Amino acid sequence: MSNSYFYFALAVGVALGAWGSYMAERRNRSKNLGFLLGFLFGVIGIIIIMLLGSKKNQDFSEGQKN
């Protein structure tokens, strides 16, 4: 087996990681988490990011209200 397969798999992993990072950022999630899910799990990681949905932004500038 040649090194070209390794480089191709690495390139695909990085591309899916970048896509996962982009999708996670659009959903207010951690870009690092998105990259890791995309890089390590590929298309399944992308699907997981899609299923997580958006994270709501919380504004703590006014303090917590009871």
C-alpha atoms as a PDB file:
ATOM      1  CA  MET A   1       0.000   0.000   0.000  1.00  0.00           C
ATOM      2  CA  SER A   2       1.372   3.374  -0.941  1.00  0.00           C
ATOM      3  CA  ASN A   3       1.517   6.609   0.974  1.00  0.00           C
ATOM      4  CA  SER A   4      -0.974   8.202  -1.402  1.00  0.00           C
ATOM      5  CA  TYR A   5      -3.880   6.459   0.366  1.00  0.00           C
ATOM      6  CA  PHE A   6      -2.726   7.864   3.714  1.00  0.00           C
ATOM      7  CA  TYR A   7      -2.486  11.401   2.321  1.00  0.00           C
ATOM      8  CA  PHE A   8      -5.889  11.087   0.644  1.00  0.00           C
ATOM      9  CA  ALA A   9      -7.516   9.857   3.888  1.00  0.00           C
ATOM     10  CA  LEU A  10      -5.835  12.671   5.824  1.00  0.00           C
ATOM     11  CA  ALA A  11      -7.062  15.261   3.315  1.00  0.00           C
ATOM     12  CA  VAL A  12     -10.622  13.916   3.496  1.00  0.00           C
ATOM     13  CA  GLY A  13     -10.467  13.960   7.302  1.00  0.00           C
ATOM     14  CA  VAL A  14      -9.266  17.558   7.371  1.00  0.00           C
ATOM     15  CA  ALA A  15     -11.944  18.604   4.866  1.00  0.00           C
ATOM     16  CA  LEU A  16     -14.704  16.963   6.904  1.00  0.00           C
ATOM     17  CA  GLY A  17     -13.244  18.491  10.054  1.00  0.00           C
ATOM     18  CA  ALA A  18     -13.331  21.945   8.489  1.00  0.00           C
ATOM     19  CA  TRP A  19     -16.920  21.405   7.374  1.00  0.00           C
ATOM     20  CA  GLY A  20     -17.851  20.249  10.870  1.00  0.00           C
ATOM     21  CA  SER A  21     -16.161  23.296  12.382  1.00  0.00           C
ATOM     22  CA  TYR A  22     -18.091  25.603  10.053  1.00  0.00           C
ATOM     23  CA  MET A  23     -21.410  23.934  10.831  1.00  0.00           C
ATOM     24  CA  ALA A  24     -20.761  23.979  14.586  1.00  0.00           C
ATOM     25  CA  GLU A  25     -19.937  27.681  14.494  1.00  0.00           C
ATOM     26  CA  ARG A  26     -23.178  28.449  12.664  1.00  0.00           C
ATOM     27  CA  ARG A  27     -25.063  26.592  15.414  1.00  0.00           C
ATOM     28  CA  ASN A  28     -23.283  28.492  18.244  1.00  0.00           C
ATOM     29  CA  ARG A  29     -21.301  25.404  19.245  1.00  0.00           C
ATOM     30  CA  SER A  30     -17.577  24.984  19.783  1.00  0.00           C
ATOM     31  CA  LYS A  31     -15.573  25.003  16.547  1.00  0.00           C
ATOM     32  CA  ASN A  32     -13.077  22.583  18.097  1.00  0.00           C
ATOM     33  CA  LEU A  33     -15.823  20.086  18.893  1.00  0.00           C
ATOM     34  CA  GLY A  34     -17.129  20.372  15.345  1.00  0.00           C
ATOM     35  CA  PHE A  35     -13.684  19.792  13.882  1.00  0.00           C
ATOM     36  CA  LEU A  36     -13.033  16.750  16.060  1.00  0.00           C
ATOM     37  CA  LEU A  37     -16.392  15.180  15.281  1.00  0.00           C
ATOM     38  CA  GLY A  38     -15.920  15.758  11.550  1.00  0.00           C
ATOM     39  CA  PHE A  39     -12.302  14.597  11.499  1.00  0.00           C
ATOM     40  CA  LEU A  40     -12.691  11.493  13.671  1.00  0.00           C
ATOM     41  CA  PHE A  41     -16.161  10.280  12.625  1.00  0.00           C
ATOM     42  CA  GLY A  42     -16.488  11.700   9.112  1.00  0.00           C
ATOM     43  CA  VAL A  43     -19.993  11.929   7.713  1.00  0.00           C
ATOM     44  CA  ILE A  44     -21.447  10.450  10.912  1.00  0.00           C
ATOM     45  CA  GLY A  45     -19.836  13.310  12.864  1.00  0.00           C
ATOM     46  CA  ILE A  46     -21.418  15.835  10.484  1.00  0.00           C
ATOM     47  CA  ILE A  47     -24.809  14.206  11.047  1.00  0.00           C
ATOM     48  CA  ILE A  48     -24.279  14.389  14.821  1.00  0.00           C
ATOM     49  CA  ILE A  49     -23.580  18.122  14.559  1.00  0.00           C
ATOM     50  CA  MET A  50     -26.742  18.570  12.502  1.00  0.00           C
ATOM     51  CA  LEU A  51     -28.794  16.666  15.069  1.00  0.00           C
ATOM     52  CA  LEU A  52     -27.431  18.671  18.005  1.00  0.00           C
ATOM     53  CA  GLY A  53     -29.239  21.765  16.803  1.00  0.00           C
ATOM     54  CA  SER A  54     -28.529  25.335  17.789  1.00  0.00           C
ATOM     55  CA  LYS A  55     -27.318  26.381  21.180  1.00  0.00           C
ATOM     56  CA  LYS A  56     -29.126  29.387  22.610  1.00  0.00           C
ATOM     57  CA  ASN A  57     -27.051  32.433  23.531  1.00  0.00           C
ATOM     58  CA  GLN A  58     -27.486  33.425  27.145  1.00  0.00           C
ATOM     59  CA  ASP A  59     -27.146  37.032  28.180  1.00  0.00           C
ATOM     60  CA  PHE A  60     -25.879  37.321  31.752  1.00  0.00           C
ATOM     61  CA  SER A  61     -25.272  41.069  31.616  1.00  0.00           C
ATOM     62  CA  GLU A  62     -28.458  41.795  33.614  1.00  0.00           C
ATOM     63  CA  GLY A  63     -27.856  39.000  36.110  1.00  0.00           C
ATOM     64  CA  GLN A  64     -29.986  35.973  36.705  1.00  0.00           C
ATOM     65  CA  LYS A  65     -33.660  36.471  37.256  1.00  0.00           C
ATOM     66  CA  ASN A  66     -35.507  34.176  39.642  1.00  0.00           C
END
